[in-house]
Amino acid sequence: MASNRFSRRQFAGIAVGSALGMSTLSTASGQARRGRNSKPDPRSRATFPNGFLWGTATSSYQIEGAVNEDGRGPSIWDSFAHTPGKISDRSSGDTATDHYHRYKEDIQLMKALGTRAYRFSIAWPRVFPEGTGAANPKGLDFYNRLVDELLANGIQPFATLYHWDLPQTMQDRFGGWTSRDTPKAFADYAAHVTSRLSDRVRHFFTINECSRHVYLGHREGADAPGLKLSPAGVNQVRHHIALGHGMAVQAIRTSARAGTKVGPAENAVSCIPAVETPENIRAAEIAMRELNAGYLTVMMEGKYTEAFLAQAGKDAPKFTAEDLRIISAPVDFVGLNVYTPDHYVLAADNERGFALAPFPASFPRMKAGWLRPGPEVIYWVPRHVAGLWNVKSIYITENGTSGSDQPAPDGNVYDTDRIMYLRNYLTQLQRATSQGVPVSGYFLWSLMDNFEWGDGFEQRFGVYHVDFDTGRRTPKLSASFYRETIARNAVA
């Protein structure tokens, strides 16, 4: 059933060395030279840069639960999840993984992995139950406790301000992101939160996956708020969300402590050269810029591309020059959620300069039908972003895969498919960093199984298995893999 539903990330050469160690060939040849029983020389191992941050990622509605506690107001996802027929297994985030009450236990799970960073999101309706007006002190108190506990355990907090849980009152009063009032309210919320947390939280992401939120939430009706707008309406929502990002950046510059860093977290449309020739690589760069025109391109360049506006025609968003100036407010980093190749690109003698190769029916897929594994995507996306827009700091803010992940008779979860996926993706990410692509850290999605939007609890992305009846957390085999990856790369 899940493979037929819209997914949260629907859009969106040989490596120079393994992220985890030497290749099989180099290991074998090395043993032949040293003797069968000798140990590999750790200095020959390819590693990530010194200071590279290893972390995990989650989001508020997917894990917190406690939707009616301590003054939290309802969000659009509360309403959507309780609408019959919207969630495949009829579940909701009412309890999720009960992280609101079990956050200290969950931080110990992070510590056991050896991670030094954690990306979480703040629920807007916990802080402002009505979206605007009086703040709810108890809501922010939870995040104060969370941040303090993270720091006490040596884990850096990275906070996302908006991961789709818009206060329902904003949808009812203003039409949510269809109105310019919502970007303004978001900036006020961002200012309030960062003024109080930036003494300890030094990195903030503004909006998570603008493109998913616009497409599935406002065009297809498959995500909250469940709208099916006209093309003009969709483009206007797209513009307002980009404007909200820019207004939040400005608000944070004004309200947060000096040195606070801010940027977006986007699931960019990924464009990979089908064959790595100079012509195809250039074509993939062109495609990357054009196919991300409504999000990263306008954020980084302060303009919509001519091709984007021409294609939209009469349905193009209405905007001002001041809007574009705000949207392109300078950022300190770019977060990239990277899962699957969207397009394999070939150079073409046409007005666009590129052609998109179709995916064959035999292309492999993971448990989630939308997730086609293509490890090279995590090399090319940050490389394109750095090259196109001269970005100096990039974080992989999400990467991972779903799996069946059921305990075996011995109680263990042998998710070797996830290990295969991560091993290959991290090898390609190390290829990028070894060539100077400025990736500063990696956040695995996800710390634990959670409420996976329209798929409910049917898709499991965590390295910790969660029994959704009891809340019990159990490390999967992939947790050992990730722990060993971090430990090996900590030895430079």
Protein backbone atom coordinates (compact mmCIF):
# COMPACT_ATOMS: atom_id res chain seq x y z
CA MET A 1 0.00 0.00 0.00
CA ALA A 2 2.75 2.43 0.92
CA SER A 3 4.41 2.10 -2.47
CA ASN A 4 1.30 3.50 -4.14
CA ARG A 5 1.14 6.62 -1.96
CA PHE A 6 2.87 9.93 -2.38
CA SER A 7 6.09 10.04 -0.44
CA ARG A 8 7.77 12.64 1.70
CA ARG A 9 10.70 12.84 -0.70
CA GLN A 10 9.03 12.31 -4.02
CA PHE A 11 10.81 15.30 -5.55
CA ALA A 12 13.18 16.02 -4.76
CA GLY A 13 32.89 7.38 -11.52
CA ILE A 14 34.36 5.06 -8.92
CA ALA A 15 34.77 6.47 -5.42
CA VAL A 16 38.26 7.45 -4.45
CA GLY A 17 38.01 5.50 -1.22
CA SER A 18 35.53 3.87 1.08
CA ALA A 19 33.90 5.90 3.85
CA LEU A 20 34.40 2.92 6.10
CA GLY A 21 37.81 1.67 5.09
CA MET A 22 39.74 0.35 2.13
CA SER A 23 37.99 -1.32 -0.74
CA THR A 24 37.94 -5.10 -0.94
CA LEU A 25 40.55 -5.02 -3.68
CA SER A 26 42.95 -2.75 -1.84
CA THR A 27 42.52 -4.70 1.40
CA ALA A 28 43.24 -7.99 -0.33
CA SER A 29 46.29 -6.68 -2.13
CA GLY A 30 47.58 -5.08 1.06
CA GLN A 31 47.29 -8.36 2.92
CA ALA A 32 49.21 -10.11 0.17
CA ARG A 33 52.06 -7.65 0.61
CA ARG A 34 52.09 -7.74 4.42
CA GLY A 35 51.21 -11.34 5.03
CA ARG A 36 47.86 -13.00 5.52
CA ASN A 37 47.64 -12.46 9.27
CA SER A 38 48.86 -8.88 9.47
CA LYS A 39 46.46 -6.04 10.24
CA PRO A 40 45.64 -3.25 7.77
CA ASP A 41 47.45 0.03 8.31
CA PRO A 42 44.79 2.49 9.56
CA ARG A 43 46.68 5.39 8.01
CA SER A 44 45.80 4.06 4.55
CA ARG A 45 42.09 4.39 5.27
CA ALA A 46 40.11 7.15 3.54
CA THR A 47 38.39 9.32 6.13
CA PHE A 48 36.21 12.39 6.35
CA PRO A 49 37.69 15.80 7.16
CA ASN A 50 38.71 16.68 10.70
CA GLY A 51 35.78 18.20 12.54
CA PHE A 52 33.19 16.51 10.34
CA LEU A 53 29.94 16.29 12.33
CA TRP A 54 28.05 13.02 12.56
CA GLY A 55 24.47 13.23 13.72
CA THR A 56 20.90 12.01 13.48
CA ALA A 57 17.70 13.82 12.54
CA THR A 58 14.02 13.78 13.52
CA SER A 59 11.03 16.13 13.37
CA SER A 60 8.56 17.26 15.99
CA TYR A 61 5.25 15.84 14.78
CA GLN A 62 6.85 12.54 13.84
CA ILE A 63 8.24 11.75 17.29
CA GLU A 64 7.02 14.03 20.07
CA GLY A 65 3.42 13.00 20.74
CA ALA A 66 1.88 14.89 23.69
CA VAL A 67 -0.25 16.86 21.24
CA ASN A 68 -2.59 18.14 23.96
CA GLU A 69 -0.08 18.76 26.73
CA ASP A 70 1.38 21.93 28.22
CA GLY A 71 -0.65 24.33 26.14
CA ARG A 72 0.26 23.05 22.66
CA GLY A 73 -2.25 24.07 20.03
CA PRO A 74 -3.36 21.88 17.12
CA SER A 75 -1.35 21.84 13.89
CA ILE A 76 -2.45 21.19 10.34
CA TRP A 77 -0.97 17.70 10.68
CA ASP A 78 -3.14 16.96 13.71
CA SER A 79 -6.19 17.85 11.64
CA PHE A 80 -4.99 16.01 8.53
CA ALA A 81 -4.03 12.82 10.36
CA HIS A 82 -7.49 12.61 11.93
CA THR A 83 -9.24 13.01 8.57
CA PRO A 84 -10.51 9.58 7.46
CA GLY A 85 -8.59 8.10 4.54
CA LYS A 86 -5.52 10.35 4.77
CA ILE A 87 -3.16 8.01 6.67
CA SER A 88 -2.67 4.53 5.24
CA ASP A 89 -2.78 2.68 8.57
CA ARG A 90 -5.21 5.13 10.24
CA SER A 91 -2.58 6.19 12.76
CA SER A 92 -1.57 9.70 13.83
CA GLY A 93 1.17 11.54 15.67
CA ASP A 94 -0.90 11.84 18.85
CA THR A 95 1.63 9.70 20.69
CA ALA A 96 4.17 8.97 17.93
CA THR A 97 7.27 7.69 19.81
CA ASP A 98 6.47 9.72 22.95
CA HIS A 99 9.73 11.62 22.66
CA TYR A 100 8.18 14.49 24.63
CA HIS A 101 8.38 12.32 27.75
CA ARG A 102 11.29 10.08 26.75
CA TYR A 103 13.74 12.63 25.36
CA LYS A 104 16.41 11.85 27.96
CA GLU A 105 16.30 8.18 27.01
CA ASP A 106 16.50 9.12 23.33
CA ILE A 107 19.53 11.31 23.91
CA GLN A 108 21.24 8.32 25.44
CA LEU A 109 20.51 6.45 22.21
CA MET A 110 22.33 9.21 20.32
CA LYS A 111 25.22 9.07 22.73
CA ALA A 112 25.48 5.30 22.31
CA LEU A 113 25.94 5.83 18.57
CA GLY A 114 28.77 8.28 19.16
CA THR A 115 26.99 11.13 17.38
CA ARG A 116 27.98 14.68 18.21
CA ALA A 117 25.04 16.54 16.63
CA TYR A 118 21.26 16.25 16.57
CA ARG A 119 18.86 17.91 14.17
CA PHE A 120 15.37 18.29 15.62
CA SER A 121 12.45 20.55 14.80
CA ILE A 122 10.51 22.93 17.01
CA ALA A 123 6.72 22.69 16.90
CA TRP A 124 5.38 26.16 16.12
CA PRO A 125 2.04 25.40 17.86
CA ARG A 126 3.85 24.49 21.09
CA VAL A 127 5.40 27.94 21.22
CA PHE A 128 2.50 29.94 19.74
CA PRO A 129 -0.70 27.87 20.03
CA GLU A 130 -2.57 30.46 17.97
CA GLY A 131 0.31 31.00 15.55
CA THR A 132 0.64 34.61 16.65
CA GLY A 133 -0.11 36.59 19.79
CA ALA A 134 0.94 35.42 23.24
CA ALA A 135 3.70 32.84 23.46
CA ASN A 136 3.27 29.68 25.52
CA PRO A 137 6.19 29.50 27.99
CA LYS A 138 5.66 25.79 28.67
CA GLY A 139 6.11 25.03 24.99
CA LEU A 140 9.54 26.59 24.78
CA ASP A 141 10.44 25.09 28.15
CA PHE A 142 10.45 21.65 26.56
CA TYR A 143 13.03 22.73 24.00
CA ASN A 144 15.09 24.41 26.71
CA ARG A 145 15.20 21.10 28.57
CA LEU A 146 16.00 19.20 25.39
CA VAL A 147 18.85 21.55 24.45
CA ASP A 148 20.34 21.49 27.93
CA GLU A 149 20.25 17.69 28.00
CA LEU A 150 21.89 17.46 24.58
CA LEU A 151 24.71 19.78 25.61
CA ALA A 152 25.21 17.93 28.89
CA ASN A 153 25.86 14.82 26.80
CA GLY A 154 28.25 16.46 24.36
CA ILE A 155 25.76 16.70 21.47
CA GLN A 156 25.37 19.90 19.47
CA PRO A 157 21.75 20.97 18.86
CA PHE A 158 20.73 21.93 15.32
CA ALA A 159 17.15 23.25 15.32
CA THR A 160 14.69 23.38 12.43
CA LEU A 161 12.05 26.07 12.86
CA TYR A 162 9.43 24.65 10.51
CA HIS A 163 8.95 21.01 9.60
CA TRP A 164 5.39 21.37 8.29
CA ASP A 165 3.40 21.56 11.56
CA LEU A 166 1.76 24.92 10.92
CA PRO A 167 -0.63 26.01 13.70
CA GLN A 168 -4.15 25.14 12.56
CA THR A 169 -5.32 28.63 13.49
CA MET A 170 -2.99 30.06 10.83
CA GLN A 171 -4.66 27.85 8.25
CA ASP A 172 -8.14 28.80 9.47
CA ARG A 173 -7.56 32.54 9.81
CA PHE A 174 -5.28 33.30 6.88
CA GLY A 175 -5.37 30.29 4.59
CA GLY A 176 -1.91 29.27 5.75
CA TRP A 177 0.80 29.76 3.17
CA THR A 178 -1.67 31.04 0.58
CA SER A 179 -1.45 34.38 2.44
CA ARG A 180 1.43 36.80 2.95
CA ASP A 181 0.38 36.99 6.61
CA THR A 182 1.91 33.57 7.27
CA PRO A 183 5.49 34.48 6.22
CA LYS A 184 5.26 37.50 8.50
CA ALA A 185 4.00 35.40 11.42
CA PHE A 186 6.72 32.83 10.77
CA ALA A 187 9.39 35.52 11.00
CA ASP A 188 7.97 36.68 14.34
CA TYR A 189 7.98 33.11 15.63
CA ALA A 190 11.57 32.62 14.39
CA ALA A 191 12.68 35.80 16.15
CA HIS A 192 11.07 34.73 19.43
CA VAL A 193 12.56 31.23 19.41
CA THR A 194 16.07 32.20 18.36
CA SER A 195 16.26 35.10 20.82
CA ARG A 196 15.75 32.57 23.60
CA LEU A 197 17.67 29.55 22.35
CA SER A 198 20.62 31.01 20.44
CA ASP A 199 22.70 31.29 23.60
CA ARG A 200 23.03 27.49 23.27
CA VAL A 201 21.77 26.60 19.79
CA ARG A 202 24.17 28.02 17.22
CA HIS A 203 22.62 26.60 14.03
CA PHE A 204 19.04 27.06 12.84
CA PHE A 205 17.35 25.72 9.71
CA THR A 206 14.44 27.84 8.56
CA ILE A 207 12.08 25.60 6.58
CA ASN A 208 12.38 21.90 5.85
CA GLU A 209 11.71 20.75 2.28
CA CYS A 210 9.78 23.65 0.79
CA SER A 211 9.19 21.66 -2.37
CA ARG A 212 7.56 18.68 -0.65
CA HIS A 213 5.37 20.92 1.50
CA VAL A 214 4.19 22.87 -1.55
CA TYR A 215 3.69 19.97 -3.94
CA LEU A 216 2.08 17.35 -1.73
CA GLY A 217 0.41 19.71 0.72
CA HIS A 218 -0.97 22.31 -1.68
CA ARG A 219 -1.20 20.70 -5.10
CA GLU A 220 -1.83 16.98 -4.63
CA GLY A 221 -3.63 17.09 -1.29
CA ALA A 222 -1.58 14.12 -0.05
CA ASP A 223 0.01 16.01 2.87
CA ALA A 224 -1.36 18.57 5.28
CA PRO A 225 -3.14 20.90 4.77
CA GLY A 226 -4.55 18.68 2.02
CA LEU A 227 -5.19 21.36 -0.61
CA LYS A 228 -5.47 20.97 -4.38
CA LEU A 229 -4.82 24.46 -5.64
CA SER A 230 -4.70 25.77 -9.18
CA PRO A 231 -1.26 26.14 -10.83
CA ALA A 232 -1.34 29.86 -10.03
CA GLY A 233 -2.25 29.11 -6.43
CA VAL A 234 0.54 26.57 -6.09
CA ASN A 235 3.09 29.03 -7.47
CA GLN A 236 1.92 31.71 -5.06
CA VAL A 237 2.26 29.35 -2.11
CA ARG A 238 5.73 28.45 -3.38
CA HIS A 239 6.66 32.12 -3.40
CA HIS A 240 5.23 32.76 0.07
CA ILE A 241 7.17 29.86 1.57
CA ALA A 242 10.40 31.11 -0.01
CA LEU A 243 9.51 34.57 1.32
CA GLY A 244 8.96 33.07 4.77
CA HIS A 245 12.46 31.62 4.62
CA GLY A 246 13.95 35.00 3.76
CA MET A 247 11.94 36.87 6.39
CA ALA A 248 13.03 34.32 9.01
CA VAL A 249 16.69 34.77 8.04
CA GLN A 250 16.34 38.52 8.51
CA ALA A 251 14.53 38.09 11.82
CA ILE A 252 17.22 35.77 13.12
CA ARG A 253 19.96 38.21 12.15
CA THR A 254 18.20 40.84 14.24
CA SER A 255 17.08 38.79 17.24
CA ALA A 256 19.57 35.96 17.76
CA ARG A 257 22.94 36.09 19.48
CA ALA A 258 25.87 37.25 17.39
CA GLY A 259 27.42 34.36 15.49
CA THR A 260 24.18 32.42 15.11
CA LYS A 261 24.17 30.59 11.80
CA VAL A 262 21.13 30.02 9.61
CA GLY A 263 20.19 28.35 6.32
CA PRO A 264 17.47 26.27 4.61
CA ALA A 265 17.07 22.48 4.56
CA GLU A 266 15.85 21.57 1.09
CA ASN A 267 15.24 18.35 -0.81
CA ALA A 268 16.67 19.73 -4.01
CA VAL A 269 15.67 18.13 -7.29
CA SER A 270 18.74 15.99 -7.90
CA CYS A 271 20.36 15.93 -11.33
CA ILE A 272 23.12 13.44 -12.05
CA PRO A 273 25.17 13.13 -15.23
CA ALA A 274 24.14 9.79 -16.72
CA VAL A 275 27.71 9.32 -17.92
CA GLU A 276 30.46 11.43 -16.39
CA THR A 277 31.64 13.35 -19.43
CA PRO A 278 32.31 17.11 -19.33
CA GLU A 279 29.29 17.72 -21.56
CA ASN A 280 26.92 15.71 -19.38
CA ILE A 281 28.30 17.20 -16.17
CA ARG A 282 27.64 20.70 -17.49
CA ALA A 283 24.16 19.66 -18.61
CA ALA A 284 23.44 18.29 -15.13
CA GLU A 285 24.51 21.63 -13.59
CA ILE A 286 22.15 23.50 -15.91
CA ALA A 287 19.33 21.11 -15.05
CA MET A 288 20.05 21.45 -11.34
CA ARG A 289 19.69 25.22 -11.52
CA GLU A 290 16.56 25.21 -13.66
CA LEU A 291 14.69 22.41 -11.90
CA ASN A 292 15.26 24.08 -8.52
CA ALA A 293 14.24 27.53 -9.77
CA GLY A 294 11.39 27.95 -7.28
CA TYR A 295 13.44 27.22 -4.17
CA LEU A 296 17.23 27.04 -3.97
CA THR A 297 17.85 29.04 -7.12
CA VAL A 298 15.73 32.01 -6.09
CA MET A 299 17.10 31.82 -2.54
CA MET A 300 20.70 31.84 -3.73
CA GLU A 301 20.35 34.21 -6.71
CA GLY A 302 17.46 36.50 -5.79
CA LYS A 303 15.63 35.88 -9.05
CA TYR A 304 13.43 33.37 -10.76
CA THR A 305 14.95 31.98 -13.92
CA GLU A 306 13.54 33.11 -17.25
CA ALA A 307 12.63 29.53 -18.10
CA PHE A 308 10.69 29.12 -14.85
CA LEU A 309 8.67 32.29 -15.43
CA ALA A 310 8.09 31.47 -19.10
CA GLN A 311 6.84 28.00 -18.28
CA ALA A 312 4.52 29.34 -15.58
CA GLY A 313 3.17 32.02 -17.93
CA LYS A 314 -0.02 33.56 -16.58
CA ASP A 315 0.27 31.30 -13.51
CA ALA A 316 3.61 32.80 -12.42
CA PRO A 317 3.69 34.01 -8.82
CA LYS A 318 3.09 37.67 -8.05
CA PHE A 319 6.10 39.24 -6.39
CA THR A 320 8.05 42.44 -5.96
CA ALA A 321 11.72 43.27 -6.25
CA GLU A 322 11.74 43.67 -2.47
CA ASP A 323 10.39 40.14 -2.09
CA LEU A 324 13.31 38.79 -4.08
CA ARG A 325 15.77 40.78 -2.02
CA ILE A 326 14.32 39.30 1.16
CA ILE A 327 14.20 35.75 -0.19
CA SER A 328 17.89 35.93 -1.10
CA ALA A 329 19.06 37.18 2.29
CA PRO A 330 22.56 35.70 2.71
CA VAL A 331 22.73 32.36 4.52
CA ASP A 332 25.59 30.71 6.38
CA PHE A 333 25.08 27.20 5.03
CA VAL A 334 22.75 25.09 2.93
CA GLY A 335 21.13 21.94 4.27
CA LEU A 336 20.40 19.20 1.74
CA ASN A 337 18.04 16.27 2.25
CA VAL A 338 19.38 13.63 -0.13
CA TYR A 339 17.76 10.25 -0.71
CA THR A 340 17.36 9.30 -4.33
CA PRO A 341 18.26 10.45 -7.83
CA ASP A 342 15.44 12.42 -9.42
CA HIS A 343 16.98 12.67 -12.88
CA TYR A 344 19.87 11.23 -14.87
CA VAL A 345 20.90 13.95 -17.31
CA LEU A 346 22.39 13.97 -20.80
CA ALA A 347 23.67 16.90 -22.81
CA ALA A 348 21.26 17.81 -25.58
CA ASP A 349 21.13 20.20 -28.51
CA ASN A 350 17.90 21.87 -27.46
CA GLU A 351 16.85 25.18 -25.90
CA ARG A 352 17.38 23.83 -22.39
CA GLY A 353 20.78 22.28 -23.06
CA PHE A 354 19.88 19.01 -21.36
CA ALA A 355 17.65 15.95 -21.62
CA LEU A 356 16.35 13.72 -18.84
CA ALA A 357 16.79 9.98 -19.28
CA PRO A 358 13.74 7.90 -18.32
CA PHE A 359 14.01 5.43 -15.44
CA PRO A 360 13.71 1.82 -16.62
CA ALA A 361 11.20 -0.43 -14.91
CA SER A 362 14.08 -2.54 -13.63
CA PHE A 363 15.67 0.30 -11.63
CA PRO A 364 16.08 -0.96 -8.03
CA ARG A 365 13.91 0.29 -5.17
CA MET A 366 14.01 0.12 -1.39
CA LYS A 367 11.05 -0.76 0.85
CA ALA A 368 9.41 2.57 0.05
CA GLY A 369 8.55 2.38 -3.63
CA TRP A 370 9.61 5.97 -4.30
CA LEU A 371 13.11 5.43 -2.91
CA ARG A 372 15.33 4.41 -5.82
CA PRO A 373 18.87 3.93 -4.51
CA GLY A 374 21.50 5.85 -6.43
CA PRO A 375 24.48 6.48 -4.13
CA GLU A 376 26.13 8.94 -6.53
CA VAL A 377 23.34 11.43 -5.78
CA ILE A 378 24.99 12.34 -2.48
CA TYR A 379 28.16 13.23 -4.41
CA TRP A 380 26.57 15.26 -7.17
CA VAL A 381 23.97 17.29 -5.26
CA PRO A 382 26.40 18.99 -2.86
CA ARG A 383 28.95 19.35 -5.66
CA HIS A 384 26.39 21.13 -7.85
CA VAL A 385 25.20 23.36 -5.00
CA ALA A 386 28.75 24.37 -4.10
CA GLY A 387 29.69 25.01 -7.72
CA LEU A 388 26.57 26.84 -8.85
CA TRP A 389 26.27 29.19 -5.90
CA ASN A 390 29.69 29.22 -4.27
CA VAL A 391 28.29 27.76 -1.05
CA LYS A 392 31.03 27.40 1.56
CA SER A 393 29.27 25.13 4.06
CA ILE A 394 26.82 22.31 3.35
CA TYR A 395 25.13 19.86 5.69
CA ILE A 396 23.49 16.64 4.58
CA THR A 397 20.45 17.24 6.76
CA GLU A 398 18.71 13.96 5.93
CA ASN A 399 19.77 10.70 4.30
CA GLY A 400 18.56 7.19 4.95
CA THR A 401 16.12 4.53 3.85
CA SER A 402 13.07 2.66 5.00
CA GLY A 403 13.04 -1.08 5.49
CA SER A 404 10.85 -3.94 6.65
CA ASP A 405 12.77 -3.98 9.93
CA GLN A 406 10.92 -6.66 11.85
CA PRO A 407 12.66 -8.42 14.74
CA ALA A 408 13.98 -11.90 14.00
CA PRO A 409 13.14 -14.80 16.34
CA ASP A 410 16.23 -13.92 18.39
CA GLY A 411 14.92 -10.38 18.88
CA ASN A 412 17.48 -8.67 16.64
CA VAL A 413 16.68 -6.54 13.59
CA TYR A 414 19.00 -7.52 10.73
CA ASP A 415 18.53 -4.52 8.42
CA THR A 416 21.37 -5.37 6.08
CA ASP A 417 19.52 -3.54 3.28
CA ARG A 418 19.94 -0.27 5.21
CA ILE A 419 23.60 -1.05 5.82
CA MET A 420 24.09 -1.63 2.09
CA TYR A 421 22.40 1.68 1.35
CA LEU A 422 24.38 3.67 3.92
CA ARG A 423 27.71 2.07 3.09
CA ASN A 424 27.40 3.04 -0.56
CA TYR A 425 26.05 6.52 0.07
CA LEU A 426 28.73 7.35 2.63
CA THR A 427 31.39 6.16 0.20
CA GLN A 428 30.10 8.68 -2.34
CA LEU A 429 29.89 11.39 0.30
CA GLN A 430 33.53 10.76 1.20
CA ARG A 431 34.31 11.06 -2.49
CA ALA A 432 32.81 14.55 -2.38
CA THR A 433 34.66 15.72 0.73
CA SER A 434 37.96 14.30 -0.54
CA GLN A 435 37.58 16.51 -3.61
CA GLY A 436 36.97 19.62 -1.54
CA VAL A 437 33.16 19.79 -1.68
CA PRO A 438 32.46 21.69 1.56
CA VAL A 439 30.20 19.24 3.39
CA SER A 440 30.49 19.97 7.10
CA GLY A 441 28.31 17.22 8.54
CA TYR A 442 25.86 14.39 8.00
CA PHE A 443 22.54 13.80 9.77
CA LEU A 444 21.19 10.27 9.39
CA TRP A 445 17.43 9.95 8.93
CA SER A 446 16.41 8.75 11.31
CA LEU A 447 17.39 8.15 14.89
CA MET A 448 14.37 5.90 15.37
CA ASP A 449 11.26 4.65 13.64
CA ASN A 450 8.51 7.26 13.73
CA PHE A 451 5.23 8.47 12.26
CA GLU A 452 6.05 8.64 8.57
CA TRP A 453 3.40 11.10 7.40
CA GLY A 454 0.84 9.57 5.01
CA ASP A 455 2.40 6.14 5.48
CA GLY A 456 1.77 6.23 9.21
CA PHE A 457 3.87 3.61 10.97
CA GLU A 458 4.21 1.37 7.91
CA GLN A 459 7.59 2.74 6.77
CA ARG A 460 10.50 2.45 9.23
CA PHE A 461 13.50 4.71 8.72
CA GLY A 462 15.23 4.47 12.11
CA VAL A 463 18.44 2.79 13.20
CA TYR A 464 16.53 2.11 16.42
CA HIS A 465 13.45 -0.07 16.12
CA VAL A 466 10.41 1.24 17.98
CA ASP A 467 7.62 -0.98 19.22
CA PHE A 468 4.73 1.43 18.68
CA ASP A 469 2.60 -0.36 21.27
CA THR A 470 5.10 -0.24 24.13
CA GLY A 471 7.48 2.50 22.96
CA ARG A 472 10.46 0.20 23.47
CA ARG A 473 13.56 1.18 21.49
CA THR A 474 15.87 -1.57 20.20
CA PRO A 475 19.06 -0.98 18.20
CA LYS A 476 19.02 -2.48 14.72
CA LEU A 477 22.13 -3.91 13.11
CA SER A 478 22.47 -0.58 11.26
CA ALA A 479 22.98 1.16 14.62
CA SER A 480 26.16 -0.90 15.05
CA PHE A 481 27.19 -0.04 11.50
CA TYR A 482 26.70 3.69 12.06
CA ARG A 483 28.48 3.60 15.41
CA GLU A 484 31.47 1.87 13.82
CA THR A 485 31.47 4.32 10.91
CA ILE A 486 31.64 7.26 13.31
CA ALA A 487 34.31 5.63 15.47
CA ARG A 488 36.54 4.79 12.51
CA ASN A 489 36.31 8.25 11.04
CA ALA A 490 37.00 9.87 14.40
CA VAL A 491 40.53 8.39 14.17
CA ALA A 492 42.28 10.63 11.68
